[in-house]
Amino acid sequence: MSLAIFDLDNTLIAGDSDHRWGEFLIHKALVDPGEYKSRNDDFYRAYQDGSLDIHEYLGFSLAPFASLSDQQVAELQREFLSEWIEPLMLDKAQALIQSHRDQGHQLLIITATNDVVTTPIAQRLGIPHLLASEAERGPGGYTGRPTGTPCFQGGKVTRLKEWLKEHPHALEHAHFYSDSANDLPLLESVGYPTAVDPDPRLAEAAQARQWPIISLRN
């Protein structure tokens, strides 16, 4: 059985769920609107240009969870998925997922966005396996801190190799779809890399390596 791996943000959906979650928290008046928006936007620009400090960003993005109960988080997840993510769903992305499903491939999302935000999205897409940056939990719920290896840049390769110990697959037969040059370490690790609506840096790299370049935008 081959493995089909998908980045999430700006690959399977037409936007960035992590950045939108920050906008959602502002909309819900759960964070200071001015300061939070400014920092959220700054981190997103750093992500786009490849300079993001993932540890600093996760500390920022996960901090609001410390003040929320599990029930509050679940309610926010449902509203966010319905109102903020559903409009970003792409028919072509769902057709691509289905084509791999029909071939009997194992399906996996691998994303730098935290697991609190992305678990409902992976479930909505019908993808059973998810590797994401992890939000730490304590006895009372989320601590507002990250835990484990962030699922970003080379960390995606590290996390995938750990996952493969329990789910053996040969990476030379694996597919990986991504929009971002941040994913070059993993794209270079699989047999079938594909650039999806790539950012300029990934578009240049994909052309130089003669990788397929596709669009999933409707």
C-alpha atoms as a PDB file:
ATOM      1  CA  MET A   1       0.000   0.000   0.000  1.00  0.00           C
ATOM      2  CA  SER A   2       1.374   3.400  -0.993  1.00  0.00           C
ATOM      3  CA  LEU A   3       1.217   6.480   1.206  1.00  0.00           C
ATOM      4  CA  ALA A   4      -0.409   9.736   0.070  1.00  0.00           C
ATOM      5  CA  ILE A   5       0.666  12.687   2.218  1.00  0.00           C
ATOM      6  CA  PHE A   6      -0.952  16.098   2.045  1.00  0.00           C
ATOM      7  CA  ASP A   7      -0.036  19.468   3.455  1.00  0.00           C
ATOM      8  CA  LEU A   8      -3.204  21.196   4.634  1.00  0.00           C
ATOM      9  CA  ASP A   9      -3.070  24.981   4.466  1.00  0.00           C
ATOM     10  CA  ASN A  10      -3.191  26.481   0.975  1.00  0.00           C
ATOM     11  CA  THR A  11      -2.970  22.940  -0.395  1.00  0.00           C
ATOM     12  CA  LEU A  12      -6.157  21.058   0.487  1.00  0.00           C
ATOM     13  CA  ILE A  13      -7.967  24.237   1.517  1.00  0.00           C
ATOM     14  CA  ALA A  14      -7.886  27.684  -0.087  1.00  0.00           C
ATOM     15  CA  GLY A  15      -6.365  29.488   2.867  1.00  0.00           C
ATOM     16  CA  ASP A  16      -4.342  29.098   6.048  1.00  0.00           C
ATOM     17  CA  SER A  17      -6.315  27.603   8.934  1.00  0.00           C
ATOM     18  CA  ASP A  18      -3.734  28.692  11.505  1.00  0.00           C
ATOM     19  CA  HIS A  19      -3.870  32.356  10.512  1.00  0.00           C
ATOM     20  CA  ARG A  20      -7.653  32.210  10.182  1.00  0.00           C
ATOM     21  CA  TRP A  21      -7.934  30.719  13.679  1.00  0.00           C
ATOM     22  CA  GLY A  22      -6.206  33.845  14.950  1.00  0.00           C
ATOM     23  CA  GLU A  23      -8.715  35.984  13.063  1.00  0.00           C
ATOM     24  CA  PHE A  24     -11.502  33.841  14.520  1.00  0.00           C
ATOM     25  CA  LEU A  25     -10.272  34.424  18.082  1.00  0.00           C
ATOM     26  CA  ILE A  26     -10.277  38.164  17.397  1.00  0.00           C
ATOM     27  CA  HIS A  27     -13.818  37.911  15.996  1.00  0.00           C
ATOM     28  CA  LYS A  28     -14.914  36.063  19.160  1.00  0.00           C
ATOM     29  CA  ALA A  29     -13.274  38.739  21.369  1.00  0.00           C
ATOM     30  CA  LEU A  30     -11.106  36.094  23.043  1.00  0.00           C
ATOM     31  CA  VAL A  31      -7.844  37.987  22.485  1.00  0.00           C
ATOM     32  CA  ASP A  32      -6.757  41.625  22.356  1.00  0.00           C
ATOM     33  CA  PRO A  33      -7.675  42.607  18.794  1.00  0.00           C
ATOM     34  CA  GLY A  34      -4.957  45.128  18.018  1.00  0.00           C
ATOM     35  CA  GLU A  35      -1.945  43.373  19.479  1.00  0.00           C
ATOM     36  CA  TYR A  36      -3.022  39.872  18.471  1.00  0.00           C
ATOM     37  CA  LYS A  37      -3.783  40.790  14.867  1.00  0.00           C
ATOM     38  CA  SER A  38      -0.466  42.566  14.452  1.00  0.00           C
ATOM     39  CA  ARG A  39       1.533  39.632  15.798  1.00  0.00           C
ATOM     40  CA  ASN A  40      -0.560  37.067  13.939  1.00  0.00           C
ATOM     41  CA  ASP A  41       0.046  38.894  10.659  1.00  0.00           C
ATOM     42  CA  ASP A  42       3.767  39.265  11.394  1.00  0.00           C
ATOM     43  CA  PHE A  43       4.122  35.546  12.062  1.00  0.00           C
ATOM     44  CA  TYR A  44       2.244  34.714   8.859  1.00  0.00           C
ATOM     45  CA  ARG A  45       4.577  36.906   6.798  1.00  0.00           C
ATOM     46  CA  ALA A  46       7.560  35.196   8.435  1.00  0.00           C
ATOM     47  CA  TYR A  47       6.064  31.818   7.535  1.00  0.00           C
ATOM     48  CA  GLN A  48       5.670  32.882   3.925  1.00  0.00           C
ATOM     49  CA  ASP A  49       9.249  34.099   3.581  1.00  0.00           C
ATOM     50  CA  GLY A  50      10.751  31.114   5.402  1.00  0.00           C
ATOM     51  CA  SER A  51      11.987  32.994   8.485  1.00  0.00           C
ATOM     52  CA  LEU A  52       9.383  31.829  11.020  1.00  0.00           C
ATOM     53  CA  ASP A  53      10.596  30.868  14.499  1.00  0.00           C
ATOM     54  CA  ILE A  54       8.178  27.988  14.960  1.00  0.00           C
ATOM     55  CA  HIS A  55       8.746  27.709  18.721  1.00  0.00           C
ATOM     56  CA  GLU A  56       7.968  31.388  19.259  1.00  0.00           C
ATOM     57  CA  TYR A  57       4.931  31.141  17.014  1.00  0.00           C
ATOM     58  CA  LEU A  58       3.508  28.072  18.746  1.00  0.00           C
ATOM     59  CA  GLY A  59       3.932  29.771  22.113  1.00  0.00           C
ATOM     60  CA  PHE A  60       1.886  32.669  20.760  1.00  0.00           C
ATOM     61  CA  SER A  61      -0.803  30.691  18.944  1.00  0.00           C
ATOM     62  CA  LEU A  62      -1.405  28.127  21.692  1.00  0.00           C
ATOM     63  CA  ALA A  63      -1.476  30.538  24.647  1.00  0.00           C
ATOM     64  CA  PRO A  64      -5.228  31.318  24.354  1.00  0.00           C
ATOM     65  CA  PHE A  65      -6.120  27.652  24.915  1.00  0.00           C
ATOM     66  CA  ALA A  66      -4.902  27.866  28.516  1.00  0.00           C
ATOM     67  CA  SER A  67      -7.940  29.942  29.474  1.00  0.00           C
ATOM     68  CA  LEU A  68     -10.498  27.716  27.726  1.00  0.00           C
ATOM     69  CA  SER A  69     -12.284  24.628  29.017  1.00  0.00           C
ATOM     70  CA  ASP A  70     -12.511  21.533  26.844  1.00  0.00           C
ATOM     71  CA  GLN A  71     -16.188  22.286  26.276  1.00  0.00           C
ATOM     72  CA  GLN A  72     -15.369  25.805  25.108  1.00  0.00           C
ATOM     73  CA  VAL A  73     -12.677  24.478  22.779  1.00  0.00           C
ATOM     74  CA  ALA A  74     -15.092  21.944  21.285  1.00  0.00           C
ATOM     75  CA  GLU A  75     -17.706  24.634  20.677  1.00  0.00           C
ATOM     76  CA  LEU A  76     -15.122  26.890  19.037  1.00  0.00           C
ATOM     77  CA  GLN A  77     -13.877  24.030  16.866  1.00  0.00           C
ATOM     78  CA  ARG A  78     -17.387  23.360  15.567  1.00  0.00           C
ATOM     79  CA  GLU A  79     -18.075  27.008  14.785  1.00  0.00           C
ATOM     80  CA  PHE A  80     -14.675  27.541  13.185  1.00  0.00           C
ATOM     81  CA  LEU A  81     -15.045  24.508  10.937  1.00  0.00           C
ATOM     82  CA  SER A  82     -18.563  25.435   9.877  1.00  0.00           C
ATOM     83  CA  GLU A  83     -18.176  29.169   9.400  1.00  0.00           C
ATOM     84  CA  TRP A  84     -14.503  29.736   8.629  1.00  0.00           C
ATOM     85  CA  ILE A  85     -13.177  26.549   7.009  1.00  0.00           C
ATOM     86  CA  GLU A  86     -16.087  25.174   4.991  1.00  0.00           C
ATOM     87  CA  PRO A  87     -15.914  28.168   2.594  1.00  0.00           C
ATOM     88  CA  LEU A  88     -12.268  27.237   1.902  1.00  0.00           C
ATOM     89  CA  MET A  89     -13.011  23.655   0.860  1.00  0.00           C
ATOM     90  CA  LEU A  90     -11.948  22.799  -2.688  1.00  0.00           C
ATOM     91  CA  ASP A  91     -13.765  20.351  -4.964  1.00  0.00           C
ATOM     92  CA  LYS A  92     -10.546  19.492  -6.796  1.00  0.00           C
ATOM     93  CA  ALA A  93      -8.782  18.759  -3.527  1.00  0.00           C
ATOM     94  CA  GLN A  94     -11.527  16.397  -2.451  1.00  0.00           C
ATOM     95  CA  ALA A  95     -11.359  14.701  -5.865  1.00  0.00           C
ATOM     96  CA  LEU A  96      -7.591  14.247  -5.445  1.00  0.00           C
ATOM     97  CA  ILE A  97      -8.081  12.733  -2.003  1.00  0.00           C
ATOM     98  CA  GLN A  98     -10.732  10.397  -3.404  1.00  0.00           C
ATOM     99  CA  SER A  99      -8.463   9.299  -6.253  1.00  0.00           C
ATOM    100  CA  HIS A 100      -5.838   8.156  -3.748  1.00  0.00           C
ATOM    101  CA  ARG A 101      -8.501   6.556  -1.591  1.00  0.00           C
ATOM    102  CA  ASP A 102      -9.787   4.635  -4.627  1.00  0.00           C
ATOM    103  CA  GLN A 103      -6.263   3.343  -5.261  1.00  0.00           C
ATOM    104  CA  GLY A 104      -6.145   1.973  -1.729  1.00  0.00           C
ATOM    105  CA  HIS A 105      -3.485   4.405  -0.568  1.00  0.00           C
ATOM    106  CA  GLN A 106      -2.993   5.268   3.089  1.00  0.00           C
ATOM    107  CA  LEU A 107      -3.963   8.924   3.599  1.00  0.00           C
ATOM    108  CA  LEU A 108      -2.092  11.326   5.894  1.00  0.00           C
ATOM    109  CA  ILE A 109      -2.177  15.078   6.514  1.00  0.00           C
ATOM    110  CA  ILE A 110       1.043  16.616   7.804  1.00  0.00           C
ATOM    111  CA  THR A 111       0.810  20.236   8.920  1.00  0.00           C
ATOM    112  CA  ALA A 112       2.591  22.832  11.023  1.00  0.00           C
ATOM    113  CA  THR A 113      -0.778  24.047  12.312  1.00  0.00           C
ATOM    114  CA  ASN A 114      -1.639  22.731  15.762  1.00  0.00           C
ATOM    115  CA  ASP A 115      -3.712  19.619  16.310  1.00  0.00           C
ATOM    116  CA  VAL A 116      -6.542  21.452  18.091  1.00  0.00           C
ATOM    117  CA  VAL A 117      -7.304  23.435  14.956  1.00  0.00           C
ATOM    118  CA  THR A 118      -6.585  20.708  12.407  1.00  0.00           C
ATOM    119  CA  THR A 119      -8.098  17.541  13.874  1.00  0.00           C
ATOM    120  CA  PRO A 120     -11.687  18.536  12.938  1.00  0.00           C
ATOM    121  CA  ILE A 121     -10.524  19.603   9.464  1.00  0.00           C
ATOM    122  CA  ALA A 122      -8.809  16.263   8.820  1.00  0.00           C
ATOM    123  CA  GLN A 123     -11.965  14.483   9.971  1.00  0.00           C
ATOM    124  CA  ARG A 124     -14.071  16.656   7.668  1.00  0.00           C
ATOM    125  CA  LEU A 125     -11.819  15.730   4.738  1.00  0.00           C
ATOM    126  CA  GLY A 126     -12.083  12.040   5.598  1.00  0.00           C
ATOM    127  CA  ILE A 127      -8.340  11.643   6.130  1.00  0.00           C
ATOM    128  CA  PRO A 128      -7.748   9.210   8.993  1.00  0.00           C
ATOM    129  CA  HIS A 129      -4.166  10.101   9.913  1.00  0.00           C
ATOM    130  CA  LEU A 130      -2.876  13.498  11.022  1.00  0.00           C
ATOM    131  CA  LEU A 131       0.551  14.733  12.042  1.00  0.00           C
ATOM    132  CA  ALA A 132       0.394  18.277  13.399  1.00  0.00           C
ATOM    133  CA  SER A 133       2.221  20.471  15.871  1.00  0.00           C
ATOM    134  CA  GLU A 134       0.929  19.344  19.251  1.00  0.00           C
ATOM    135  CA  ALA A 135      -0.744  21.348  21.989  1.00  0.00           C
ATOM    136  CA  GLU A 136       0.256  20.194  25.469  1.00  0.00           C
ATOM    137  CA  ARG A 137      -2.435  18.942  27.810  1.00  0.00           C
ATOM    138  CA  GLY A 138      -2.348  18.886  31.597  1.00  0.00           C
ATOM    139  CA  PRO A 139      -4.793  17.566  34.210  1.00  0.00           C
ATOM    140  CA  GLY A 140      -7.100  20.556  33.707  1.00  0.00           C
ATOM    141  CA  GLY A 141      -7.004  20.753  29.930  1.00  0.00           C
ATOM    142  CA  TYR A 142      -4.760  22.576  27.485  1.00  0.00           C
ATOM    143  CA  THR A 143      -1.762  24.303  29.045  1.00  0.00           C
ATOM    144  CA  GLY A 144      -1.253  26.848  26.272  1.00  0.00           C
ATOM    145  CA  ARG A 145       2.184  25.407  25.464  1.00  0.00           C
ATOM    146  CA  PRO A 146       3.469  23.199  22.636  1.00  0.00           C
ATOM    147  CA  THR A 147       4.901  19.748  23.165  1.00  0.00           C
ATOM    148  CA  GLY A 148       7.057  17.468  21.068  1.00  0.00           C
ATOM    149  CA  THR A 149       8.751  18.222  17.762  1.00  0.00           C
ATOM    150  CA  PRO A 150       7.008  20.995  15.823  1.00  0.00           C
ATOM    151  CA  CYS A 151       5.686  19.691  12.534  1.00  0.00           C
ATOM    152  CA  PHE A 152       7.486  22.336  10.445  1.00  0.00           C
ATOM    153  CA  GLN A 153      10.203  22.254   7.791  1.00  0.00           C
ATOM    154  CA  GLY A 154      12.640  19.452   8.730  1.00  0.00           C
ATOM    155  CA  GLY A 155      10.438  18.652  11.714  1.00  0.00           C
ATOM    156  CA  LYS A 156       7.891  17.219   9.298  1.00  0.00           C
ATOM    157  CA  VAL A 157      10.484  14.669   8.166  1.00  0.00           C
ATOM    158  CA  THR A 158      11.330  13.844  11.781  1.00  0.00           C
ATOM    159  CA  ARG A 159       7.690  13.409  12.752  1.00  0.00           C
ATOM    160  CA  LEU A 160       6.932  11.341   9.648  1.00  0.00           C
ATOM    161  CA  LYS A 161       9.840   8.985  10.293  1.00  0.00           C
ATOM    162  CA  GLU A 162       8.593   8.487  13.855  1.00  0.00           C
ATOM    163  CA  TRP A 163       5.091   7.746  12.517  1.00  0.00           C
ATOM    164  CA  LEU A 164       6.496   5.283   9.962  1.00  0.00           C
ATOM    165  CA  LYS A 165       7.845   3.113  12.778  1.00  0.00           C
ATOM    166  CA  GLU A 166       4.221   2.238  13.577  1.00  0.00           C
ATOM    167  CA  HIS A 167       2.888   2.516  10.000  1.00  0.00           C
ATOM    168  CA  PRO A 168       5.571   1.069   7.714  1.00  0.00           C
ATOM    169  CA  HIS A 169       5.690   2.569   4.224  1.00  0.00           C
ATOM    170  CA  ALA A 170       8.528   3.119   1.773  1.00  0.00           C
ATOM    171  CA  LEU A 171       8.999   6.835   1.149  1.00  0.00           C
ATOM    172  CA  GLU A 172      10.305   6.144  -2.348  1.00  0.00           C
ATOM    173  CA  HIS A 173       6.748   5.069  -3.208  1.00  0.00           C
ATOM    174  CA  ALA A 174       5.032   7.885  -1.287  1.00  0.00           C
ATOM    175  CA  HIS A 175       3.267  10.945  -2.706  1.00  0.00           C
ATOM    176  CA  PHE A 176       3.443  14.361  -1.041  1.00  0.00           C
ATOM    177  CA  TYR A 177       1.481  17.443  -2.053  1.00  0.00           C
ATOM    178  CA  SER A 178       2.371  20.922  -0.789  1.00  0.00           C
ATOM    179  CA  ASP A 179       2.189  24.611  -1.673  1.00  0.00           C
ATOM    180  CA  SER A 180       5.119  25.810   0.425  1.00  0.00           C
ATOM    181  CA  ALA A 181       8.896  25.977   0.129  1.00  0.00           C
ATOM    182  CA  ASN A 182       8.913  25.295   3.880  1.00  0.00           C
ATOM    183  CA  ASP A 183       8.092  21.718   2.883  1.00  0.00           C
ATOM    184  CA  LEU A 184      11.116  21.183   0.629  1.00  0.00           C
ATOM    185  CA  PRO A 185      12.772  18.794   3.135  1.00  0.00           C
ATOM    186  CA  LEU A 186       9.793  16.438   2.950  1.00  0.00           C
ATOM    187  CA  LEU A 187       9.166  16.949  -0.762  1.00  0.00           C
ATOM    188  CA  GLU A 188      12.766  15.876  -1.369  1.00  0.00           C
ATOM    189  CA  SER A 189      12.249  12.772   0.802  1.00  0.00           C
ATOM    190  CA  VAL A 190       9.420  11.138  -1.168  1.00  0.00           C
ATOM    191  CA  GLY A 191       9.327   9.416  -4.525  1.00  0.00           C
ATOM    192  CA  TYR A 192       6.442  11.458  -5.899  1.00  0.00           C
ATOM    193  CA  PRO A 193       6.552  15.125  -4.855  1.00  0.00           C
ATOM    194  CA  THR A 194       3.954  17.505  -6.292  1.00  0.00           C
ATOM    195  CA  ALA A 195       3.774  21.277  -5.932  1.00  0.00           C
ATOM    196  CA  VAL A 196       0.197  22.518  -5.475  1.00  0.00           C
ATOM    197  CA  ASP A 197      -0.518  26.175  -6.265  1.00  0.00           C
ATOM    198  CA  PRO A 198       3.050  26.778  -5.101  1.00  0.00           C
ATOM    199  CA  ASP A 199       4.500  29.883  -3.535  1.00  0.00           C
ATOM    200  CA  PRO A 200       7.207  31.558  -5.656  1.00  0.00           C
ATOM    201  CA  ARG A 201      10.109  29.806  -3.919  1.00  0.00           C
ATOM    202  CA  LEU A 202       8.542  26.378  -4.291  1.00  0.00           C
ATOM    203  CA  ALA A 203       7.525  27.069  -7.896  1.00  0.00           C
ATOM    204  CA  GLU A 204      11.152  27.844  -8.737  1.00  0.00           C
ATOM    205  CA  ALA A 205      12.412  24.739  -6.930  1.00  0.00           C
ATOM    206  CA  ALA A 206       9.791  22.491  -8.534  1.00  0.00           C
ATOM    207  CA  GLN A 207      10.628  23.753 -12.012  1.00  0.00           C
ATOM    208  CA  ALA A 208      14.342  23.197 -11.408  1.00  0.00           C
ATOM    209  CA  ARG A 209      13.687  19.637 -10.201  1.00  0.00           C
ATOM    210  CA  GLN A 210      11.042  18.933 -12.867  1.00  0.00           C
ATOM    211  CA  TRP A 211       8.396  18.098 -10.282  1.00  0.00           C
ATOM    212  CA  PRO A 212       4.730  18.205 -11.293  1.00  0.00           C
ATOM    213  CA  ILE A 213       2.972  21.496 -10.563  1.00  0.00           C
ATOM    214  CA  ILE A 214      -0.818  21.407 -10.254  1.00  0.00           C
ATOM    215  CA  SER A 215      -3.663  23.653  -9.138  1.00  0.00           C
ATOM    216  CA  LEU A 216      -6.553  22.592  -6.926  1.00  0.00           C
ATOM    217  CA  ARG A 217      -8.261  25.984  -6.903  1.00  0.00           C
ATOM    218  CA  ASN A 218     -11.796  25.968  -8.265  1.00  0.00           C
END
